Amino acid sequence: MSAQLIFRDKYIYADGAIREMIIWHLPDTDNLRPHGLKYRLYYGFPGKCLVRHDNERGKGDHRHKGDRETSYSFISVEQLLQDFKADIERLRGEQHE
């Protein structure tokens, strides 16, 4: 059994910024993905990632903001989406100051 797509959403803002959120349910859990999910949440412009939450194989749950990568404590899908959207709101606020 392969991963099953459970959520996908893409939105393009008027200024050209892209928000894309993709979440898959995995057939098995492991020590880096005990929640059984694989996800990639992206916000940025074509060719320029401003913030990304993901859990690529071998790294576990983490967040990229600019050139910085930090670990992320996964609680729930709802919290993940809320945290990601809060990151976007902060960045968009900074862009319009």
PDB file of N, CA and C in Angstrom:
ATOM      1  N   MET A   1       0.838  -1.185   0.000  1.00  0.00           N
ATOM      2  CA  MET A   1       0.000   0.000   0.000  1.00  0.00           C
ATOM      3  C   MET A   1       0.882   1.247   0.000  1.00  0.00           C
ATOM      4  N   SER A   2       0.522   2.223  -0.821  1.00  0.00           N
ATOM      5  CA  SER A   2       1.314   3.451  -0.895  1.00  0.00           C
ATOM      6  C   SER A   2       0.631   4.574  -0.108  1.00  0.00           C
ATOM      7  N   ALA A   3       1.323   5.672  -0.001  1.00  0.00           N
ATOM      8  CA  ALA A   3       0.774   6.830   0.711  1.00  0.00           C
ATOM      9  C   ALA A   3      -0.486   7.308  -0.002  1.00  0.00           C
ATOM     10  N   GLN A   4      -1.454   7.770   0.803  1.00  0.00           N
ATOM     11  CA  GLN A   4      -2.706   8.271   0.242  1.00  0.00           C
ATOM     12  C   GLN A   4      -2.826   9.765   0.513  1.00  0.00           C
ATOM     13  N   LEU A   5      -3.097  10.510  -0.536  1.00  0.00           N
ATOM     14  CA  LEU A   5      -3.293  11.945  -0.400  1.00  0.00           C
ATOM     15  C   LEU A   5      -4.563  12.195   0.408  1.00  0.00           C
ATOM     16  N   ILE A   6      -4.450  12.971   1.490  1.00  0.00           N
ATOM     17  CA  ILE A   6      -5.643  13.276   2.285  1.00  0.00           C
ATOM     18  C   ILE A   6      -6.000  14.767   2.242  1.00  0.00           C
ATOM     19  N   PHE A   7      -5.063  15.610   1.837  1.00  0.00           N
ATOM     20  CA  PHE A   7      -5.366  17.045   1.767  1.00  0.00           C
ATOM     21  C   PHE A   7      -4.414  17.715   0.796  1.00  0.00           C
ATOM     22  N   ARG A   8      -4.985  18.559  -0.066  1.00  0.00           N
ATOM     23  CA  ARG A   8      -4.156  19.360  -0.967  1.00  0.00           C
ATOM     24  C   ARG A   8      -4.879  20.671  -1.220  1.00  0.00           C
ATOM     25  N   ASP A   9      -4.146  21.770  -1.040  1.00  0.00           N
ATOM     26  CA  ASP A   9      -4.717  23.085  -1.262  1.00  0.00           C
ATOM     27  C   ASP A   9      -3.615  23.990  -1.793  1.00  0.00           C
ATOM     28  N   LYS A  10      -3.947  24.748  -2.806  1.00  0.00           N
ATOM     29  CA  LYS A  10      -2.983  25.705  -3.364  1.00  0.00           C
ATOM     30  C   LYS A  10      -3.700  27.029  -3.574  1.00  0.00           C
ATOM     31  N   TYR A  11      -3.043  28.096  -3.141  1.00  0.00           N
ATOM     32  CA  TYR A  11      -3.612  29.432  -3.267  1.00  0.00           C
ATOM     33  C   TYR A  11      -2.517  30.369  -3.753  1.00  0.00           C
ATOM     34  N   ILE A  12      -2.858  31.208  -4.732  1.00  0.00           N
ATOM     35  CA  ILE A  12      -1.909  32.198  -5.241  1.00  0.00           C
ATOM     36  C   ILE A  12      -2.444  33.581  -4.865  1.00  0.00           C
ATOM     37  N   TYR A  13      -1.658  34.301  -4.095  1.00  0.00           N
ATOM     38  CA  TYR A  13      -2.015  35.642  -3.644  1.00  0.00           C
ATOM     39  C   TYR A  13      -1.885  36.644  -4.798  1.00  0.00           C
ATOM     40  N   ALA A  14      -2.518  37.793  -4.656  1.00  0.00           N
ATOM     41  CA  ALA A  14      -2.495  38.837  -5.689  1.00  0.00           C
ATOM     42  C   ALA A  14      -1.072  39.290  -6.021  1.00  0.00           C
ATOM     43  N   ASP A  15      -0.166  39.233  -5.021  1.00  0.00           N
ATOM     44  CA  ASP A  15       1.223  39.660  -5.259  1.00  0.00           C
ATOM     45  C   ASP A  15       2.093  38.553  -5.856  1.00  0.00           C
ATOM     46  N   GLY A  16       1.495  37.398  -6.171  1.00  0.00           N
ATOM     47  CA  GLY A  16       2.231  36.294  -6.789  1.00  0.00           C
ATOM     48  C   GLY A  16       2.757  35.259  -5.813  1.00  0.00           C
ATOM     49  N   ALA A  17       2.621  35.505  -4.513  1.00  0.00           N
ATOM     50  CA  ALA A  17       3.069  34.532  -3.510  1.00  0.00           C
ATOM     51  C   ALA A  17       2.193  33.280  -3.607  1.00  0.00           C
ATOM     52  N   ILE A  18       2.788  32.147  -3.304  1.00  0.00           N
ATOM     53  CA  ILE A  18       2.104  30.859  -3.394  1.00  0.00           C
ATOM     54  C   ILE A  18       2.054  30.206  -2.024  1.00  0.00           C
ATOM     55  N   ARG A  19       0.866  29.708  -1.662  1.00  0.00           N
ATOM     56  CA  ARG A  19       0.711  28.878  -0.469  1.00  0.00           C
ATOM     57  C   ARG A  19       0.224  27.523  -0.959  1.00  0.00           C
ATOM     58  N   GLU A  20       1.017  26.478  -0.675  1.00  0.00           N
ATOM     59  CA  GLU A  20       0.617  25.127  -1.067  1.00  0.00           C
ATOM     60  C   GLU A  20       0.765  24.206   0.133  1.00  0.00           C
ATOM     61  N   MET A  21      -0.293  23.452   0.398  1.00  0.00           N
ATOM     62  CA  MET A  21      -0.304  22.539   1.544  1.00  0.00           C
ATOM     63  C   MET A  21      -0.697  21.152   1.046  1.00  0.00           C
ATOM     64  N   ILE A  22       0.157  20.165   1.314  1.00  0.00           N
ATOM     65  CA  ILE A  22      -0.091  18.795   0.877  1.00  0.00           C
ATOM     66  C   ILE A  22       0.184  17.866   2.061  1.00  0.00           C
ATOM     67  N   ILE A  23      -0.771  16.973   2.332  1.00  0.00           N
ATOM     68  CA  ILE A  23      -0.623  16.011   3.431  1.00  0.00           C
ATOM     69  C   ILE A  23      -1.023  14.629   2.929  1.00  0.00           C
ATOM     70  N   TRP A  24      -0.174  13.633   3.203  1.00  0.00           N
ATOM     71  CA  TRP A  24      -0.445  12.248   2.838  1.00  0.00           C
ATOM     72  C   TRP A  24      -0.544  11.402   4.108  1.00  0.00           C
ATOM     73  N   HIS A  25      -1.349  10.369   4.052  1.00  0.00           N
ATOM     74  CA  HIS A  25      -1.394   9.365   5.123  1.00  0.00           C
ATOM     75  C   HIS A  25      -0.502   8.220   4.676  1.00  0.00           C
ATOM     76  N   LEU A  26       0.453   7.843   5.516  1.00  0.00           N
ATOM     77  CA  LEU A  26       1.399   6.781   5.192  1.00  0.00           C
ATOM     78  C   LEU A  26       0.849   5.416   5.602  1.00  0.00           C
ATOM     79  N   PRO A  27       1.254   4.367   4.888  1.00  0.00           N
ATOM     80  CA  PRO A  27       0.784   3.031   5.248  1.00  0.00           C
ATOM     81  C   PRO A  27       1.355   2.540   6.578  1.00  0.00           C
ATOM     82  N   ASP A  28       2.518   3.069   6.969  1.00  0.00           N
ATOM     83  CA  ASP A  28       3.178   2.658   8.210  1.00  0.00           C
ATOM     84  C   ASP A  28       3.737   3.874   8.938  1.00  0.00           C
ATOM     85  N   THR A  29       3.911   3.742  10.232  1.00  0.00           N
ATOM     86  CA  THR A  29       4.588   4.776  11.007  1.00  0.00           C
ATOM     87  C   THR A  29       6.044   4.362  11.181  1.00  0.00           C
ATOM     88  N   ASP A  30       6.867   5.297  11.598  1.00  0.00           N
ATOM     89  CA  ASP A  30       8.255   4.982  11.954  1.00  0.00           C
ATOM     90  C   ASP A  30       8.671   5.949  13.051  1.00  0.00           C
ATOM     91  N   ASN A  31       9.920   5.868  13.469  1.00  0.00           N
ATOM     92  CA  ASN A  31      10.349   6.706  14.592  1.00  0.00           C
ATOM     93  C   ASN A  31      10.399   8.201  14.258  1.00  0.00           C
ATOM     94  N   LEU A  32      10.516   8.564  12.985  1.00  0.00           N
ATOM     95  CA  LEU A  32      10.523   9.977  12.599  1.00  0.00           C
ATOM     96  C   LEU A  32       9.137  10.485  12.194  1.00  0.00           C
ATOM     97  N   ARG A  33       8.208   9.565  11.945  1.00  0.00           N
ATOM     98  CA  ARG A  33       6.834   9.933  11.582  1.00  0.00           C
ATOM     99  C   ARG A  33       5.845   9.077  12.375  1.00  0.00           C
ATOM    100  N   PRO A  34       5.861   9.193  13.700  1.00  0.00           N
ATOM    101  CA  PRO A  34       4.971   8.368  14.526  1.00  0.00           C
ATOM    102  C   PRO A  34       3.494   8.688  14.314  1.00  0.00           C
ATOM    103  N   HIS A  35       3.206   9.857  13.764  1.00  0.00           N
ATOM    104  CA  HIS A  35       1.833  10.260  13.477  1.00  0.00           C
ATOM    105  C   HIS A  35       1.307   9.642  12.181  1.00  0.00           C
ATOM    106  N   GLY A  36       2.184   9.001  11.405  1.00  0.00           N
ATOM    107  CA  GLY A  36       1.768   8.341  10.175  1.00  0.00           C
ATOM    108  C   GLY A  36       1.445   9.274   9.021  1.00  0.00           C
ATOM    109  N   LEU A  37       1.992  10.491   9.066  1.00  0.00           N
ATOM    110  CA  LEU A  37       1.726  11.475   8.019  1.00  0.00           C
ATOM    111  C   LEU A  37       3.013  11.945   7.366  1.00  0.00           C
ATOM    112  N   LYS A  38       2.898  12.294   6.112  1.00  0.00           N
ATOM    113  CA  LYS A  38       3.962  12.977   5.391  1.00  0.00           C
ATOM    114  C   LYS A  38       3.331  14.271   4.904  1.00  0.00           C
ATOM    115  N   TYR A  39       4.037  15.387   5.060  1.00  0.00           N
ATOM    116  CA  TYR A  39       3.460  16.661   4.656  1.00  0.00           C
ATOM    117  C   TYR A  39       4.509  17.613   4.117  1.00  0.00           C
ATOM    118  N   ARG A  40       4.002  18.551   3.318  1.00  0.00           N
ATOM    119  CA  ARG A  40       4.836  19.637   2.798  1.00  0.00           C
ATOM    120  C   ARG A  40       3.934  20.866   2.706  1.00  0.00           C
ATOM    121  N   LEU A  41       4.236  21.864   3.493  1.00  0.00           N
ATOM    122  CA  LEU A  41       3.489  23.113   3.501  1.00  0.00           C
ATOM    123  C   LEU A  41       4.462  24.199   3.064  1.00  0.00           C
ATOM    124  N   TYR A  42       4.159  24.864   1.975  1.00  0.00           N
ATOM    125  CA  TYR A  42       5.086  25.805   1.346  1.00  0.00           C
ATOM    126  C   TYR A  42       4.443  27.177   1.203  1.00  0.00           C
ATOM    127  N   TYR A  43       5.247  28.208   1.477  1.00  0.00           N
ATOM    128  CA  TYR A  43       4.841  29.578   1.176  1.00  0.00           C
ATOM    129  C   TYR A  43       6.046  30.318   0.642  1.00  0.00           C
ATOM    130  N   GLY A  44       5.855  30.978  -0.483  1.00  0.00           N
ATOM    131  CA  GLY A  44       6.933  31.762  -1.065  1.00  0.00           C
ATOM    132  C   GLY A  44       6.564  32.219  -2.459  1.00  0.00           C
ATOM    133  N   PHE A  45       7.562  32.574  -3.203  1.00  0.00           N
ATOM    134  CA  PHE A  45       7.396  33.002  -4.578  1.00  0.00           C
ATOM    135  C   PHE A  45       8.082  31.987  -5.478  1.00  0.00           C
ATOM    136  N   PRO A  46       7.772  31.964  -6.761  1.00  0.00           N
ATOM    137  CA  PRO A  46       8.462  31.017  -7.639  1.00  0.00           C
ATOM    138  C   PRO A  46       9.981  31.154  -7.486  1.00  0.00           C
ATOM    139  N   GLY A  47      10.618  30.072  -7.093  1.00  0.00           N
ATOM    140  CA  GLY A  47      12.068  30.051  -6.910  1.00  0.00           C
ATOM    141  C   GLY A  47      12.560  30.618  -5.593  1.00  0.00           C
ATOM    142  N   LYS A  48      11.652  31.036  -4.700  1.00  0.00           N
ATOM    143  CA  LYS A  48      12.084  31.614  -3.421  1.00  0.00           C
ATOM    144  C   LYS A  48      11.159  31.171  -2.296  1.00  0.00           C
ATOM    145  N   CYS A  49      11.606  30.195  -1.518  1.00  0.00           N
ATOM    146  CA  CYS A  49      10.837  29.702  -0.373  1.00  0.00           C
ATOM    147  C   CYS A  49      11.047  30.650   0.805  1.00  0.00           C
ATOM    148  N   LEU A  50       9.922  31.114   1.380  1.00  0.00           N
ATOM    149  CA  LEU A  50      10.004  31.979   2.556  1.00  0.00           C
ATOM    150  C   LEU A  50       9.789  31.180   3.840  1.00  0.00           C
ATOM    151  N   VAL A  51       8.861  30.227   3.800  1.00  0.00           N
ATOM    152  CA  VAL A  51       8.661  29.339   4.949  1.00  0.00           C
ATOM    153  C   VAL A  51       8.125  28.007   4.422  1.00  0.00           C
ATOM    154  N   ARG A  52       8.576  26.933   5.048  1.00  0.00           N
ATOM    155  CA  ARG A  52       8.118  25.591   4.674  1.00  0.00           C
ATOM    156  C   ARG A  52       8.148  24.703   5.901  1.00  0.00           C
ATOM    157  N   HIS A  53       7.074  23.976   6.102  1.00  0.00           N
ATOM    158  CA  HIS A  53       7.016  22.943   7.125  1.00  0.00           C
ATOM    159  C   HIS A  53       6.980  21.616   6.387  1.00  0.00           C
ATOM    160  N   ASP A  54       7.832  20.685   6.766  1.00  0.00           N
ATOM    161  CA  ASP A  54       7.801  19.379   6.124  1.00  0.00           C
ATOM    162  C   ASP A  54       8.443  18.336   7.028  1.00  0.00           C
ATOM    163  N   ASN A  55       8.383  17.102   6.573  1.00  0.00           N
ATOM    164  CA  ASN A  55       9.010  16.013   7.328  1.00  0.00           C
ATOM    165  C   ASN A  55       9.586  14.991   6.361  1.00  0.00           C
ATOM    166  N   GLU A  56      10.509  15.471   5.545  1.00  0.00           N
ATOM    167  CA  GLU A  56      11.137  14.594   4.573  1.00  0.00           C
ATOM    168  C   GLU A  56      11.848  13.436   5.264  1.00  0.00           C
ATOM    169  N   ARG A  57      11.970  12.357   4.542  1.00  0.00           N
ATOM    170  CA  ARG A  57      12.597  11.141   5.068  1.00  0.00           C
ATOM    171  C   ARG A  57      13.985  11.442   5.640  1.00  0.00           C
ATOM    172  N   GLY A  58      14.225  10.944   6.831  1.00  0.00           N
ATOM    173  CA  GLY A  58      15.521  11.107   7.474  1.00  0.00           C
ATOM    174  C   GLY A  58      15.661  12.352   8.330  1.00  0.00           C
ATOM    175  N   LYS A  59      14.707  13.277   8.261  1.00  0.00           N
ATOM    176  CA  LYS A  59      14.823  14.522   9.024  1.00  0.00           C
ATOM    177  C   LYS A  59      13.740  14.695  10.074  1.00  0.00           C
ATOM    178  N   GLY A  60      12.596  14.061   9.919  1.00  0.00           N
ATOM    179  CA  GLY A  60      11.506  14.244  10.858  1.00  0.00           C
ATOM    180  C   GLY A  60      10.830  15.594  10.667  1.00  0.00           C
ATOM    181  N   ASP A  61       9.981  15.966  11.605  1.00  0.00           N
ATOM    182  CA  ASP A  61       9.213  17.202  11.526  1.00  0.00           C
ATOM    183  C   ASP A  61      10.131  18.407  11.714  1.00  0.00           C
ATOM    184  N   HIS A  62      10.086  19.339  10.758  1.00  0.00           N
ATOM    185  CA  HIS A  62      10.906  20.537  10.872  1.00  0.00           C
ATOM    186  C   HIS A  62      10.318  21.669  10.043  1.00  0.00           C
ATOM    187  N   ARG A  63      10.888  22.860  10.258  1.00  0.00           N
ATOM    188  CA  ARG A  63      10.427  24.065   9.589  1.00  0.00           C
ATOM    189  C   ARG A  63      11.623  24.803   8.996  1.00  0.00           C
ATOM    190  N   HIS A  64      11.427  25.320   7.805  1.00  0.00           N
ATOM    191  CA  HIS A  64      12.419  26.174   7.145  1.00  0.00           C
ATOM    192  C   HIS A  64      11.857  27.591   7.137  1.00  0.00           C
ATOM    193  N   LYS A  65      12.643  28.529   7.570  1.00  0.00           N
ATOM    194  CA  LYS A  65      12.283  29.948   7.434  1.00  0.00           C
ATOM    195  C   LYS A  65      13.503  30.637   6.868  1.00  0.00           C
ATOM    196  N   GLY A  66      13.390  31.038   5.618  1.00  0.00           N
ATOM    197  CA  GLY A  66      14.559  31.569   4.927  1.00  0.00           C
ATOM    198  C   GLY A  66      15.600  30.469   4.838  1.00  0.00           C
ATOM    199  N   ASP A  67      16.817  30.761   5.279  1.00  0.00           N
ATOM    200  CA  ASP A  67      17.903  29.775   5.256  1.00  0.00           C
ATOM    201  C   ASP A  67      18.002  28.952   6.534  1.00  0.00           C
ATOM    202  N   ARG A  68      17.162  29.251   7.522  1.00  0.00           N
ATOM    203  CA  ARG A  68      17.210  28.546   8.806  1.00  0.00           C
ATOM    204  C   ARG A  68      16.286  27.341   8.813  1.00  0.00           C
ATOM    205  N   GLU A  69      16.753  26.270   9.422  1.00  0.00           N
ATOM    206  CA  GLU A  69      15.945  25.066   9.602  1.00  0.00           C
ATOM    207  C   GLU A  69      15.898  24.756  11.087  1.00  0.00           C
ATOM    208  N   THR A  70      14.691  24.579  11.628  1.00  0.00           N
ATOM    209  CA  THR A  70      14.517  24.266  13.039  1.00  0.00           C
ATOM    210  C   THR A  70      13.572  23.086  13.173  1.00  0.00           C
ATOM    211  N   SER A  71      13.690  22.358  14.270  1.00  0.00           N
ATOM    212  CA  SER A  71      12.776  21.236  14.492  1.00  0.00           C
ATOM    213  C   SER A  71      11.381  21.775  14.788  1.00  0.00           C
ATOM    214  N   TYR A  72      10.382  20.944  14.533  1.00  0.00           N
ATOM    215  CA  TYR A  72       8.995  21.319  14.771  1.00  0.00           C
ATOM    216  C   TYR A  72       8.355  20.211  15.593  1.00  0.00           C
ATOM    217  N   SER A  73       7.661  20.569  16.647  1.00  0.00           N
ATOM    218  CA  SER A  73       6.982  19.594  17.503  1.00  0.00           C
ATOM    219  C   SER A  73       5.559  19.385  16.996  1.00  0.00           C
ATOM    220  N   PHE A  74       5.351  18.288  16.282  1.00  0.00           N
ATOM    221  CA  PHE A  74       4.042  17.987  15.714  1.00  0.00           C
ATOM    222  C   PHE A  74       3.085  17.592  16.831  1.00  0.00           C
ATOM    223  N   ILE A  75       1.923  18.262  16.869  1.00  0.00           N
ATOM    224  CA  ILE A  75       0.883  17.956  17.850  1.00  0.00           C
ATOM    225  C   ILE A  75      -0.330  17.352  17.144  1.00  0.00           C
ATOM    226  N   SER A  76      -0.785  18.033  16.090  1.00  0.00           N
ATOM    227  CA  SER A  76      -1.944  17.579  15.319  1.00  0.00           C
ATOM    228  C   SER A  76      -1.910  18.276  13.960  1.00  0.00           C
ATOM    229  N   VAL A  77      -2.702  17.768  13.029  1.00  0.00           N
ATOM    230  CA  VAL A  77      -2.802  18.414  11.721  1.00  0.00           C
ATOM    231  C   VAL A  77      -3.363  19.817  11.893  1.00  0.00           C
ATOM    232  N   GLU A  78      -4.357  19.964  12.730  1.00  0.00           N
ATOM    233  CA  GLU A  78      -4.959  21.274  12.949  1.00  0.00           C
ATOM    234  C   GLU A  78      -3.933  22.278  13.460  1.00  0.00           C
ATOM    235  N   GLN A  79      -3.100  21.859  14.417  1.00  0.00           N
ATOM    236  CA  GLN A  79      -2.078  22.751  14.967  1.00  0.00           C
ATOM    237  C   GLN A  79      -1.014  23.063  13.922  1.00  0.00           C
ATOM    238  N   LEU A  80      -0.633  22.080  13.127  1.00  0.00           N
ATOM    239  CA  LEU A  80       0.339  22.281  12.056  1.00  0.00           C
ATOM    240  C   LEU A  80      -0.155  23.353  11.096  1.00  0.00           C
ATOM    241  N   LEU A  81      -1.403  23.240  10.643  1.00  0.00           N
ATOM    242  CA  LEU A  81      -1.959  24.222   9.715  1.00  0.00           C
ATOM    243  C   LEU A  81      -2.053  25.600  10.368  1.00  0.00           C
ATOM    244  N   GLN A  82      -2.439  25.644  11.619  1.00  0.00           N
ATOM    245  CA  GLN A  82      -2.538  26.914  12.339  1.00  0.00           C
ATOM    246  C   GLN A  82      -1.162  27.571  12.463  1.00  0.00           C
ATOM    247  N   ASP A  83      -0.143  26.795  12.825  1.00  0.00           N
ATOM    248  CA  ASP A  83       1.216  27.335  12.960  1.00  0.00           C
ATOM    249  C   ASP A  83       1.752  27.833  11.623  1.00  0.00           C
ATOM    250  N   PHE A  84       1.507  27.073  10.567  1.00  0.00           N
ATOM    251  CA  PHE A  84       1.960  27.449   9.231  1.00  0.00           C
ATOM    252  C   PHE A  84       1.291  28.747   8.786  1.00  0.00           C
ATOM    253  N   LYS A  85      -0.023  28.834   8.964  1.00  0.00           N
ATOM    254  CA  LYS A  85      -0.740  30.047   8.566  1.00  0.00           C
ATOM    255  C   LYS A  85      -0.303  31.260   9.401  1.00  0.00           C
ATOM    256  N   ALA A  86       0.029  31.047  10.658  1.00  0.00           N
ATOM    257  CA  ALA A  86       0.545  32.136  11.501  1.00  0.00           C
ATOM    258  C   ALA A  86       1.896  32.620  10.969  1.00  0.00           C
ATOM    259  N   ASP A  87       2.755  31.690  10.527  1.00  0.00           N
ATOM    260  CA  ASP A  87       4.037  32.066   9.918  1.00  0.00           C
ATOM    261  C   ASP A  87       3.799  32.941   8.688  1.00  0.00           C
ATOM    262  N   ILE A  88       2.837  32.549   7.874  1.00  0.00           N
ATOM    263  CA  ILE A  88       2.530  33.314   6.660  1.00  0.00           C
ATOM    264  C   ILE A  88       2.033  34.712   7.027  1.00  0.00           C
ATOM    265  N   GLU A  89       1.135  34.800   7.984  1.00  0.00           N
ATOM    266  CA  GLU A  89       0.601  36.108   8.389  1.00  0.00           C
ATOM    267  C   GLU A  89       1.708  37.029   8.875  1.00  0.00           C
ATOM    268  N   ARG A  90       2.649  36.473   9.658  1.00  0.00           N
ATOM    269  CA  ARG A  90       3.789  37.290  10.129  1.00  0.00           C
ATOM    270  C   ARG A  90       4.616  37.782   8.942  1.00  0.00           C
ATOM    271  N   LEU A  91       4.911  36.880   8.004  1.00  0.00           N
ATOM    272  CA  LEU A  91       5.723  37.260   6.848  1.00  0.00           C
ATOM    273  C   LEU A  91       5.006  38.290   5.978  1.00  0.00           C
ATOM    274  N   ARG A  92       3.743  38.108   5.752  1.00  0.00           N
ATOM    275  CA  ARG A  92       2.991  39.048   4.919  1.00  0.00           C
ATOM    276  C   ARG A  92       2.910  40.414   5.605  1.00  0.00           C
ATOM    277  N   GLY A  93       2.804  40.412   6.928  1.00  0.00           N
ATOM    278  CA  GLY A  93       2.819  41.672   7.664  1.00  0.00           C
ATOM    279  C   GLY A  93       4.148  42.391   7.518  1.00  0.00           C
ATOM    280  N   GLU A  94       5.244  41.625   7.556  1.00  0.00           N
ATOM    281  CA  GLU A  94       6.585  42.197   7.397  1.00  0.00           C
ATOM    282  C   GLU A  94       6.764  42.761   5.991  1.00  0.00           C
ATOM    283  N   GLN A  95       6.198  42.092   4.985  1.00  0.00           N
ATOM    284  CA  GLN A  95       6.339  42.526   3.594  1.00  0.00           C
ATOM    285  C   GLN A  95       5.606  43.845   3.333  1.00  0.00           C
ATOM    286  N   HIS A  96       4.556  44.109   4.105  1.00  0.00           N
ATOM    287  CA  HIS A  96       3.743  45.295   3.857  1.00  0.00           C
ATOM    288  C   HIS A  96       4.011  46.430   4.844  1.00  0.00           C
ATOM    289  N   GLU A  97       5.083  46.336   5.606  1.00  0.00           N
ATOM    290  CA  GLU A  97       5.433  47.415   6.549  1.00  0.00           C
ATOM    291  C   GLU A  97       6.289  48.445   5.875  1.00  0.00           C
TER     292      GLU A  97
END
